[in-house]
């Protein structure tokens, strides 16, 4: 383990993927989407509308560099170059800083389109839980946005807030979900809507004798309550799905499902690439329209 990995074990892991069923991209329509978020960046490459490769990395201080790093990792070992890609869409918080993008599209539009691909045309309500914000989105059977709301609080209900708690409690972030259920009974949610105050509250609970598991349960419950309120304000309609890194956290997802009385759709496709995936699909549609 490197010194950086040892210091940042509480962060989520960076990764990439290649589709073994598409051995050669030559001769196909190659499109890409790059989603530069506040805490993570994803690059997705599609061949003729099929998912070909993707990479997910942590966003650095340089959004342009993060976009390029994500794309280079997605292309690694494929023989692809940026020049060989027919059309690229930039999206996300840093979409204007994707230097090789042919067009920029809002993350709301791209997430809905990507989620439509991941979950199918029955999807109507989408919760995207990003690094610094949460979005409740309604979409039609083509993945077109019909309405949306974003959270109006700080990062307490987001992936960055979850990272802050993982760091505070010295817990690997991928273990938070299962640890939050290792309790005898569900505790009261933490009351603070600000990460800074929530961390202070958590420290007080630890000093009062709460276990790490109980504190995590209280924070996951608080996060679930906040995002369910957002969903209900925008209106709930089945089918329902969750995208973003927090969609991988069972401690939050299962509590959201319990509050809603509704199970979220499941998929084998990585939920964190929805925005970049939507960008690549929109890129394909723009090329075909031309």
C-alpha atoms as a PDB file:
ATOM      1  CA  UNK A   1       0.000   0.000   0.000  1.00  0.00           C
ATOM      2  CA  UNK A   2       1.414   3.415  -0.984  1.00  0.00           C
ATOM      3  CA  UNK A   3       1.758   6.279   1.502  1.00  0.00           C
ATOM      4  CA  UNK A   4      -1.149   8.081  -0.215  1.00  0.00           C
ATOM      5  CA  UNK A   5      -3.378   4.996  -0.070  1.00  0.00           C
ATOM      6  CA  UNK A   6      -2.529   4.458   3.605  1.00  0.00           C
ATOM      7  CA  UNK A   7      -3.402   8.062   4.377  1.00  0.00           C
ATOM      8  CA  UNK A   8      -6.641   8.049   2.379  1.00  0.00           C
ATOM      9  CA  UNK A   9      -7.960   4.538   3.054  1.00  0.00           C
ATOM     10  CA  UNK A  10     -11.314   6.072   4.041  1.00  0.00           C
ATOM     11  CA  UNK A  11     -11.878   7.434   0.517  1.00  0.00           C
ATOM     12  CA  UNK A  12     -13.653   5.423  -2.183  1.00  0.00           C
ATOM     13  CA  UNK A  13     -11.387   3.592  -4.619  1.00  0.00           C
ATOM     14  CA  UNK A  14     -10.594   4.727  -8.168  1.00  0.00           C
ATOM     15  CA  UNK A  15     -11.219   2.139 -10.889  1.00  0.00           C
ATOM     16  CA  UNK A  16     -11.660   1.454 -14.605  1.00  0.00           C
ATOM     17  CA  UNK A  17     -13.451  -1.160 -16.743  1.00  0.00           C
ATOM     18  CA  UNK A  18     -13.326  -2.501 -20.319  1.00  0.00           C
ATOM     19  CA  UNK A  19     -16.061  -4.465 -22.072  1.00  0.00           C
ATOM     20  CA  UNK A  20     -14.624  -7.886 -23.007  1.00  0.00           C
ATOM     21  CA  UNK A  21     -17.447  -8.444 -25.490  1.00  0.00           C
ATOM     22  CA  UNK A  22     -16.275  -5.609 -27.778  1.00  0.00           C
ATOM     23  CA  UNK A  23     -12.755  -6.634 -28.858  1.00  0.00           C
ATOM     24  CA  UNK A  24     -12.298  -3.923 -31.498  1.00  0.00           C
ATOM     25  CA  UNK A  25     -13.658  -0.381 -31.798  1.00  0.00           C
ATOM     26  CA  UNK A  26     -12.425   0.246 -35.350  1.00  0.00           C
ATOM     27  CA  UNK A  27     -15.189   1.075 -37.813  1.00  0.00           C
ATOM     28  CA  UNK A  28     -17.734   1.896 -35.113  1.00  0.00           C
ATOM     29  CA  UNK A  29     -19.249   5.201 -34.013  1.00  0.00           C
ATOM     30  CA  UNK A  30     -17.138   6.188 -31.015  1.00  0.00           C
ATOM     31  CA  UNK A  31     -18.696   8.654 -28.569  1.00  0.00           C
ATOM     32  CA  UNK A  32     -17.702   9.724 -25.081  1.00  0.00           C
ATOM     33  CA  UNK A  33     -19.054  11.499 -22.034  1.00  0.00           C
ATOM     34  CA  UNK A  34     -16.911  13.075 -19.324  1.00  0.00           C
ATOM     35  CA  UNK A  35     -18.547  14.002 -16.015  1.00  0.00           C
ATOM     36  CA  UNK A  36     -16.316  16.256 -13.932  1.00  0.00           C
ATOM     37  CA  UNK A  37     -17.893  16.447 -10.501  1.00  0.00           C
ATOM     38  CA  UNK A  38     -16.788  18.268  -7.381  1.00  0.00           C
ATOM     39  CA  UNK A  39     -15.279  15.126  -5.829  1.00  0.00           C
ATOM     40  CA  UNK A  40     -15.100  12.542  -8.644  1.00  0.00           C
ATOM     41  CA  UNK A  41     -14.707  12.463 -12.418  1.00  0.00           C
ATOM     42  CA  UNK A  42     -15.906   9.744 -14.787  1.00  0.00           C
ATOM     43  CA  UNK A  43     -15.181   9.132 -18.459  1.00  0.00           C
ATOM     44  CA  UNK A  44     -17.365   6.760 -20.490  1.00  0.00           C
ATOM     45  CA  UNK A  45     -16.693   5.523 -24.019  1.00  0.00           C
ATOM     46  CA  UNK A  46     -19.394   3.912 -26.163  1.00  0.00           C
ATOM     47  CA  UNK A  47     -19.124   2.085 -29.477  1.00  0.00           C
ATOM     48  CA  UNK A  48     -22.312   2.273 -31.575  1.00  0.00           C
ATOM     49  CA  UNK A  49     -24.296   2.955 -28.415  1.00  0.00           C
ATOM     50  CA  UNK A  50     -22.806   0.051 -26.451  1.00  0.00           C
ATOM     51  CA  UNK A  51     -20.823   0.599 -23.258  1.00  0.00           C
ATOM     52  CA  UNK A  52     -17.181   0.001 -24.157  1.00  0.00           C
ATOM     53  CA  UNK A  53     -15.011   1.398 -21.360  1.00  0.00           C
ATOM     54  CA  UNK A  54     -15.067   3.751 -18.408  1.00  0.00           C
ATOM     55  CA  UNK A  55     -12.921   5.127 -15.614  1.00  0.00           C
ATOM     56  CA  UNK A  56     -13.756   6.806 -12.319  1.00  0.00           C
ATOM     57  CA  UNK A  57     -11.188   8.923 -10.483  1.00  0.00           C
ATOM     58  CA  UNK A  58     -11.138  11.530  -7.727  1.00  0.00           C
ATOM     59  CA  UNK A  59     -11.327  15.098  -9.025  1.00  0.00           C
ATOM     60  CA  UNK A  60      -8.179  17.075  -8.309  1.00  0.00           C
ATOM     61  CA  UNK A  61      -7.655  20.816  -8.034  1.00  0.00           C
ATOM     62  CA  UNK A  62      -7.396  21.023 -11.842  1.00  0.00           C
ATOM     63  CA  UNK A  63     -10.712  20.083 -13.478  1.00  0.00           C
ATOM     64  CA  UNK A  64      -9.165  19.993 -16.955  1.00  0.00           C
ATOM     65  CA  UNK A  65      -6.452  17.641 -15.755  1.00  0.00           C
ATOM     66  CA  UNK A  66      -8.998  15.413 -14.025  1.00  0.00           C
ATOM     67  CA  UNK A  67     -11.065  15.190 -17.228  1.00  0.00           C
ATOM     68  CA  UNK A  68      -7.986  14.210 -19.214  1.00  0.00           C
ATOM     69  CA  UNK A  69      -6.791  11.711 -16.608  1.00  0.00           C
ATOM     70  CA  UNK A  70     -10.190   9.998 -16.509  1.00  0.00           C
ATOM     71  CA  UNK A  71     -10.354   9.784 -20.306  1.00  0.00           C
ATOM     72  CA  UNK A  72      -6.789   8.506 -20.636  1.00  0.00           C
ATOM     73  CA  UNK A  73      -7.446   5.763 -18.083  1.00  0.00           C
ATOM     74  CA  UNK A  74     -10.673   4.748 -19.848  1.00  0.00           C
ATOM     75  CA  UNK A  75      -8.769   4.526 -23.167  1.00  0.00           C
ATOM     76  CA  UNK A  76      -5.752   2.713 -21.699  1.00  0.00           C
ATOM     77  CA  UNK A  77      -5.005  -0.529 -23.507  1.00  0.00           C
ATOM     78  CA  UNK A  78      -7.652   0.015 -26.197  1.00  0.00           C
ATOM     79  CA  UNK A  79      -5.549   1.785 -28.829  1.00  0.00           C
ATOM     80  CA  UNK A  80      -8.044   4.643 -28.809  1.00  0.00           C
ATOM     81  CA  UNK A  81      -6.955   8.278 -28.860  1.00  0.00           C
ATOM     82  CA  UNK A  82      -9.040  11.364 -28.184  1.00  0.00           C
ATOM     83  CA  UNK A  83      -8.713  12.260 -31.876  1.00  0.00           C
ATOM     84  CA  UNK A  84     -10.369   8.941 -32.826  1.00  0.00           C
ATOM     85  CA  UNK A  85     -13.514   9.741 -30.806  1.00  0.00           C
ATOM     86  CA  UNK A  86     -16.258  11.068 -33.063  1.00  0.00           C
ATOM     87  CA  UNK A  87     -17.947  13.279 -30.466  1.00  0.00           C
ATOM     88  CA  UNK A  88     -17.459  14.029 -26.780  1.00  0.00           C
ATOM     89  CA  UNK A  89     -19.882  15.673 -24.335  1.00  0.00           C
ATOM     90  CA  UNK A  90     -18.661  17.318 -21.147  1.00  0.00           C
ATOM     91  CA  UNK A  91     -20.985  17.448 -18.158  1.00  0.00           C
ATOM     92  CA  UNK A  92     -20.975  17.940 -14.398  1.00  0.00           C
ATOM     93  CA  UNK A  93     -19.728  20.661 -12.099  1.00  0.00           C
ATOM     94  CA  UNK A  94     -16.592  21.221 -14.232  1.00  0.00           C
ATOM     95  CA  UNK A  95     -18.075  20.609 -17.667  1.00  0.00           C
ATOM     96  CA  UNK A  96     -16.728  23.880 -19.097  1.00  0.00           C
ATOM     97  CA  UNK A  97     -13.233  22.668 -18.210  1.00  0.00           C
ATOM     98  CA  UNK A  98     -13.241  19.541 -20.383  1.00  0.00           C
ATOM     99  CA  UNK A  99     -10.750  20.770 -23.007  1.00  0.00           C
ATOM    100  CA  UNK A 100     -11.522  18.125 -25.638  1.00  0.00           C
ATOM    101  CA  UNK A 101     -15.349  18.251 -25.369  1.00  0.00           C
ATOM    102  CA  UNK A 102     -17.314  19.082 -28.542  1.00  0.00           C
ATOM    103  CA  UNK A 103     -20.302  20.201 -26.461  1.00  0.00           C
ATOM    104  CA  UNK A 104     -21.306  20.710 -22.832  1.00  0.00           C
ATOM    105  CA  UNK A 105     -24.625  19.501 -21.392  1.00  0.00           C
ATOM    106  CA  UNK A 106     -26.003  19.951 -17.856  1.00  0.00           C
ATOM    107  CA  UNK A 107     -25.596  17.093 -15.390  1.00  0.00           C
ATOM    108  CA  UNK A 108     -29.357  16.941 -14.793  1.00  0.00           C
ATOM    109  CA  UNK A 109     -29.970  16.121 -18.472  1.00  0.00           C
ATOM    110  CA  UNK A 110     -27.081  13.662 -18.668  1.00  0.00           C
ATOM    111  CA  UNK A 111     -27.945  11.806 -15.452  1.00  0.00           C
ATOM    112  CA  UNK A 112     -31.533  11.270 -16.561  1.00  0.00           C
ATOM    113  CA  UNK A 113     -30.425   9.992 -19.971  1.00  0.00           C
ATOM    114  CA  UNK A 114     -27.787   7.715 -18.460  1.00  0.00           C
ATOM    115  CA  UNK A 115     -30.196   6.352 -15.851  1.00  0.00           C
ATOM    116  CA  UNK A 116     -32.700   5.598 -18.609  1.00  0.00           C
ATOM    117  CA  UNK A 117     -30.029   3.440 -20.277  1.00  0.00           C
ATOM    118  CA  UNK A 118     -29.088   1.740 -16.992  1.00  0.00           C
ATOM    119  CA  UNK A 119     -32.584   1.046 -15.632  1.00  0.00           C
ATOM    120  CA  UNK A 120     -34.832   1.072 -18.711  1.00  0.00           C
ATOM    121  CA  UNK A 121     -37.809   3.115 -19.967  1.00  0.00           C
ATOM    122  CA  UNK A 122     -40.025   2.486 -16.916  1.00  0.00           C
ATOM    123  CA  UNK A 123     -37.835   4.737 -14.750  1.00  0.00           C
ATOM    124  CA  UNK A 124     -39.706   7.862 -13.655  1.00  0.00           C
ATOM    125  CA  UNK A 125     -38.068   9.083 -10.415  1.00  0.00           C
ATOM    126  CA  UNK A 126     -34.316   9.358 -10.073  1.00  0.00           C
ATOM    127  CA  UNK A 127     -32.277  10.337  -7.026  1.00  0.00           C
ATOM    128  CA  UNK A 128     -28.713  11.297  -7.902  1.00  0.00           C
ATOM    129  CA  UNK A 129     -26.524  11.531  -4.798  1.00  0.00           C
ATOM    130  CA  UNK A 130     -23.333  13.286  -5.815  1.00  0.00           C
ATOM    131  CA  UNK A 131     -20.269  14.531  -4.025  1.00  0.00           C
ATOM    132  CA  UNK A 132     -21.617  17.971  -3.115  1.00  0.00           C
ATOM    133  CA  UNK A 133     -25.323  17.921  -3.974  1.00  0.00           C
ATOM    134  CA  UNK A 134     -28.382  15.702  -4.387  1.00  0.00           C
ATOM    135  CA  UNK A 135     -30.865  15.897  -7.228  1.00  0.00           C
ATOM    136  CA  UNK A 136     -34.436  14.586  -7.392  1.00  0.00           C
ATOM    137  CA  UNK A 137     -35.307  14.135 -11.069  1.00  0.00           C
ATOM    138  CA  UNK A 138     -38.471  13.144 -12.925  1.00  0.00           C
ATOM    139  CA  UNK A 139     -38.019  11.783 -16.449  1.00  0.00           C
ATOM    140  CA  UNK A 140     -40.094  10.247 -19.226  1.00  0.00           C
ATOM    141  CA  UNK A 141     -39.624   6.912 -21.008  1.00  0.00           C
ATOM    142  CA  UNK A 142     -36.880   8.389 -23.237  1.00  0.00           C
ATOM    143  CA  UNK A 143     -34.880   9.731 -20.305  1.00  0.00           C
ATOM    144  CA  UNK A 144     -35.945  13.332 -20.886  1.00  0.00           C
ATOM    145  CA  UNK A 145     -36.167  15.481 -17.745  1.00  0.00           C
ATOM    146  CA  UNK A 146     -39.692  16.665 -16.883  1.00  0.00           C
ATOM    147  CA  UNK A 147     -38.889  18.243 -13.482  1.00  0.00           C
ATOM    148  CA  UNK A 148     -36.128  18.349 -10.876  1.00  0.00           C
ATOM    149  CA  UNK A 149     -35.083  19.740  -7.497  1.00  0.00           C
ATOM    150  CA  UNK A 150     -31.635  20.084  -5.930  1.00  0.00           C
ATOM    151  CA  UNK A 151     -30.783  20.106  -2.235  1.00  0.00           C
ATOM    152  CA  UNK A 152     -30.387  23.545  -0.658  1.00  0.00           C
ATOM    153  CA  UNK A 153     -28.163  22.503   2.239  1.00  0.00           C
ATOM    154  CA  UNK A 154     -24.430  21.895   2.495  1.00  0.00           C
ATOM    155  CA  UNK A 155     -22.606  18.610   1.864  1.00  0.00           C
ATOM    156  CA  UNK A 156     -24.207  16.843   4.867  1.00  0.00           C
ATOM    157  CA  UNK A 157     -26.463  14.812   2.589  1.00  0.00           C
ATOM    158  CA  UNK A 158     -23.845  13.981  -0.022  1.00  0.00           C
ATOM    159  CA  UNK A 159     -20.864  11.792  -0.779  1.00  0.00           C
ATOM    160  CA  UNK A 160     -18.418  14.351   0.576  1.00  0.00           C
ATOM    161  CA  UNK A 161     -20.295  14.341   3.864  1.00  0.00           C
ATOM    162  CA  UNK A 162     -20.007  10.563   3.998  1.00  0.00           C
ATOM    163  CA  UNK A 163     -16.258  10.783   3.326  1.00  0.00           C
ATOM    164  CA  UNK A 164     -15.938  13.286   6.176  1.00  0.00           C
ATOM    165  CA  UNK A 165     -17.596  10.836   8.555  1.00  0.00           C
ATOM    166  CA  UNK A 166     -15.449   7.943   7.319  1.00  0.00           C
ATOM    167  CA  UNK A 167     -12.342  10.019   7.984  1.00  0.00           C
ATOM    168  CA  UNK A 168     -13.564  11.153  11.392  1.00  0.00           C
ATOM    169  CA  UNK A 169     -14.353   7.604  12.537  1.00  0.00           C
ATOM    170  CA  UNK A 170     -11.351   6.006  10.756  1.00  0.00           C
ATOM    171  CA  UNK A 171     -13.651   3.641   8.846  1.00  0.00           C
ATOM    172  CA  UNK A 172     -13.169   2.517   5.206  1.00  0.00           C
ATOM    173  CA  UNK A 173     -15.999   4.155   3.299  1.00  0.00           C
ATOM    174  CA  UNK A 174     -17.124   0.926   1.619  1.00  0.00           C
ATOM    175  CA  UNK A 175     -17.815  -0.617   5.057  1.00  0.00           C
ATOM    176  CA  UNK A 176     -20.098   2.150   6.334  1.00  0.00           C
ATOM    177  CA  UNK A 177     -23.298   0.531   5.064  1.00  0.00           C
ATOM    178  CA  UNK A 178     -22.854  -2.849   6.735  1.00  0.00           C
ATOM    179  CA  UNK A 179     -21.448  -1.296   9.916  1.00  0.00           C
ATOM    180  CA  UNK A 180     -24.491   0.987  10.243  1.00  0.00           C
ATOM    181  CA  UNK A 181     -26.696  -2.102  10.681  1.00  0.00           C
ATOM    182  CA  UNK A 182     -24.485  -3.725  13.350  1.00  0.00           C
ATOM    183  CA  UNK A 183     -26.632  -2.201  16.107  1.00  0.00           C
ATOM    184  CA  UNK A 184     -29.266  -3.455  18.506  1.00  0.00           C
ATOM    185  CA  UNK A 185     -31.805  -0.740  17.691  1.00  0.00           C
ATOM    186  CA  UNK A 186     -32.009   2.234  15.361  1.00  0.00           C
ATOM    187  CA  UNK A 187     -30.768   5.432  17.081  1.00  0.00           C
ATOM    188  CA  UNK A 188     -32.110   8.947  16.625  1.00  0.00           C
ATOM    189  CA  UNK A 189     -30.669  10.590  13.485  1.00  0.00           C
ATOM    190  CA  UNK A 190     -28.001  13.260  13.954  1.00  0.00           C
ATOM    191  CA  UNK A 191     -29.750  16.632  13.975  1.00  0.00           C
ATOM    192  CA  UNK A 192     -27.272  18.843  12.138  1.00  0.00           C
ATOM    193  CA  UNK A 193     -27.677  19.589   8.420  1.00  0.00           C
ATOM    194  CA  UNK A 194     -24.100  20.915   8.138  1.00  0.00           C
ATOM    195  CA  UNK A 195     -21.114  18.551   7.875  1.00  0.00           C
ATOM    196  CA  UNK A 196     -19.034  20.610  10.307  1.00  0.00           C
ATOM    197  CA  UNK A 197     -21.732  20.597  12.983  1.00  0.00           C
ATOM    198  CA  UNK A 198     -22.634  16.958  12.273  1.00  0.00           C
ATOM    199  CA  UNK A 199     -19.005  15.965  12.904  1.00  0.00           C
ATOM    200  CA  UNK A 200     -19.031  17.928  16.157  1.00  0.00           C
ATOM    201  CA  UNK A 201     -22.255  16.198  17.160  1.00  0.00           C
ATOM    202  CA  UNK A 202     -20.744  12.808  16.302  1.00  0.00           C
ATOM    203  CA  UNK A 203     -17.700  13.509  18.470  1.00  0.00           C
ATOM    204  CA  UNK A 204     -20.038  14.317  21.346  1.00  0.00           C
ATOM    205  CA  UNK A 205     -21.899  11.045  20.837  1.00  0.00           C
ATOM    206  CA  UNK A 206     -18.643   9.074  20.820  1.00  0.00           C
ATOM    207  CA  UNK A 207     -17.598  10.735  24.074  1.00  0.00           C
ATOM    208  CA  UNK A 208     -21.002   9.820  25.503  1.00  0.00           C
ATOM    209  CA  UNK A 209     -20.233   6.152  24.853  1.00  0.00           C
ATOM    210  CA  UNK A 210     -21.845   5.561  21.445  1.00  0.00           C
ATOM    211  CA  UNK A 211     -20.131   2.970  19.253  1.00  0.00           C
ATOM    212  CA  UNK A 212     -18.903   3.850  15.761  1.00  0.00           C
ATOM    213  CA  UNK A 213     -21.664   1.629  14.364  1.00  0.00           C
ATOM    214  CA  UNK A 214     -24.354   3.542  16.232  1.00  0.00           C
ATOM    215  CA  UNK A 215     -22.973   6.921  15.102  1.00  0.00           C
ATOM    216  CA  UNK A 216     -22.873   5.717  11.491  1.00  0.00           C
ATOM    217  CA  UNK A 217     -26.453   4.474  11.780  1.00  0.00           C
ATOM    218  CA  UNK A 218     -27.525   7.893  13.065  1.00  0.00           C
ATOM    219  CA  UNK A 219     -25.766   9.675  10.198  1.00  0.00           C
ATOM    220  CA  UNK A 220     -27.072   7.300   7.489  1.00  0.00           C
ATOM    221  CA  UNK A 221     -30.589   7.768   8.881  1.00  0.00           C
ATOM    222  CA  UNK A 222     -30.231  11.557   8.836  1.00  0.00           C
ATOM    223  CA  UNK A 223     -28.997  11.472   5.234  1.00  0.00           C
ATOM    224  CA  UNK A 224     -31.905   9.237   4.205  1.00  0.00           C
ATOM    225  CA  UNK A 225     -34.448  11.564   5.823  1.00  0.00           C
ATOM    226  CA  UNK A 226     -33.033  14.625   4.044  1.00  0.00           C
ATOM    227  CA  UNK A 227     -33.065  13.110   0.569  1.00  0.00           C
ATOM    228  CA  UNK A 228     -36.531  11.562   1.012  1.00  0.00           C
ATOM    229  CA  UNK A 229     -37.878  15.031   1.822  1.00  0.00           C
ATOM    230  CA  UNK A 230     -36.301  16.258  -1.407  1.00  0.00           C
ATOM    231  CA  UNK A 231     -37.877  13.417  -3.380  1.00  0.00           C
ATOM    232  CA  UNK A 232     -41.300  14.022  -1.858  1.00  0.00           C
ATOM    233  CA  UNK A 233     -41.113  17.741  -2.631  1.00  0.00           C
ATOM    234  CA  UNK A 234     -40.528  16.901  -6.284  1.00  0.00           C
ATOM    235  CA  UNK A 235     -43.155  14.123  -6.227  1.00  0.00           C
ATOM    236  CA  UNK A 236     -42.592  10.373  -6.166  1.00  0.00           C
ATOM    237  CA  UNK A 237     -43.558   8.070  -9.014  1.00  0.00           C
ATOM    238  CA  UNK A 238     -42.498   4.477  -9.710  1.00  0.00           C
ATOM    239  CA  UNK A 239     -40.182   3.203 -11.013  1.00  0.00           C
ATOM    240  CA  UNK A 240     -37.538   4.694  -8.739  1.00  0.00           C
ATOM    241  CA  UNK A 241     -33.727   4.443  -8.867  1.00  0.00           C
ATOM    242  CA  UNK A 242     -30.633   5.917  -7.222  1.00  0.00           C
ATOM    243  CA  UNK A 243     -27.392   6.914  -8.947  1.00  0.00           C
ATOM    244  CA  UNK A 244     -24.101   8.302  -7.689  1.00  0.00           C
ATOM    245  CA  UNK A 245     -21.569   6.925  -5.248  1.00  0.00           C
ATOM    246  CA  UNK A 246     -24.008   6.841  -2.322  1.00  0.00           C
ATOM    247  CA  UNK A 247     -26.150   4.359  -4.266  1.00  0.00           C
ATOM    248  CA  UNK A 248     -23.484   1.817  -3.253  1.00  0.00           C
ATOM    249  CA  UNK A 249     -24.043   2.518   0.456  1.00  0.00           C
ATOM    250  CA  UNK A 250     -26.607   0.033   1.754  1.00  0.00           C
ATOM    251  CA  UNK A 251     -26.893   1.930   5.023  1.00  0.00           C
ATOM    252  CA  UNK A 252     -28.391   4.911   3.229  1.00  0.00           C
ATOM    253  CA  UNK A 253     -30.222   3.077   0.423  1.00  0.00           C
ATOM    254  CA  UNK A 254     -32.108   0.632   2.649  1.00  0.00           C
ATOM    255  CA  UNK A 255     -33.182   3.437   4.968  1.00  0.00           C
ATOM    256  CA  UNK A 256     -34.420   5.483   1.985  1.00  0.00           C
ATOM    257  CA  UNK A 257     -36.394   2.482   0.747  1.00  0.00           C
ATOM    258  CA  UNK A 258     -37.941   1.958   4.185  1.00  0.00           C
ATOM    259  CA  UNK A 259     -39.016   5.604   4.440  1.00  0.00           C
ATOM    260  CA  UNK A 260     -40.510   5.549   0.946  1.00  0.00           C
ATOM    261  CA  UNK A 261     -42.055   2.090   1.235  1.00  0.00           C
ATOM    262  CA  UNK A 262     -40.565   1.419  -2.181  1.00  0.00           C
ATOM    263  CA  UNK A 263     -37.534  -0.540  -3.398  1.00  0.00           C
ATOM    264  CA  UNK A 264     -35.052   1.141  -5.711  1.00  0.00           C
ATOM    265  CA  UNK A 265     -34.340  -0.536  -9.038  1.00  0.00           C
ATOM    266  CA  UNK A 266     -31.135  -2.575  -9.190  1.00  0.00           C
ATOM    267  CA  UNK A 267     -28.634  -2.803 -12.031  1.00  0.00           C
ATOM    268  CA  UNK A 268     -25.312  -4.454 -12.820  1.00  0.00           C
ATOM    269  CA  UNK A 269     -24.052  -1.235 -14.432  1.00  0.00           C
ATOM    270  CA  UNK A 270     -22.065   1.038 -12.129  1.00  0.00           C
ATOM    271  CA  UNK A 271     -24.394   3.724 -10.767  1.00  0.00           C
ATOM    272  CA  UNK A 272     -21.559   6.239 -10.507  1.00  0.00           C
ATOM    273  CA  UNK A 273     -21.107   6.563 -14.286  1.00  0.00           C
ATOM    274  CA  UNK A 274     -24.696   7.644 -15.059  1.00  0.00           C
ATOM    275  CA  UNK A 275     -23.793  11.243 -15.886  1.00  0.00           C
ATOM    276  CA  UNK A 276     -20.878  10.410 -18.166  1.00  0.00           C
ATOM    277  CA  UNK A 277     -22.895   7.582 -19.739  1.00  0.00           C
ATOM    278  CA  UNK A 278     -25.708  10.013 -20.513  1.00  0.00           C
ATOM    279  CA  UNK A 279     -23.168  12.359 -22.066  1.00  0.00           C
ATOM    280  CA  UNK A 280     -21.892   9.602 -24.376  1.00  0.00           C
ATOM    281  CA  UNK A 281     -25.467   8.730 -25.400  1.00  0.00           C
ATOM    282  CA  UNK A 282     -26.281  12.375 -26.122  1.00  0.00           C
ATOM    283  CA  UNK A 283     -23.045  12.590 -28.140  1.00  0.00           C
ATOM    284  CA  UNK A 284     -24.229   9.625 -30.252  1.00  0.00           C
ATOM    285  CA  UNK A 285     -27.613  11.269 -30.844  1.00  0.00           C
ATOM    286  CA  UNK A 286     -25.968  14.540 -31.900  1.00  0.00           C
ATOM    287  CA  UNK A 287     -23.707  12.765 -34.404  1.00  0.00           C
ATOM    288  CA  UNK A 288     -26.632  10.843 -35.876  1.00  0.00           C
ATOM    289  CA  UNK A 289     -28.742  14.017 -36.065  1.00  0.00           C
ATOM    290  CA  UNK A 290     -26.003  15.732 -38.086  1.00  0.00           C
END
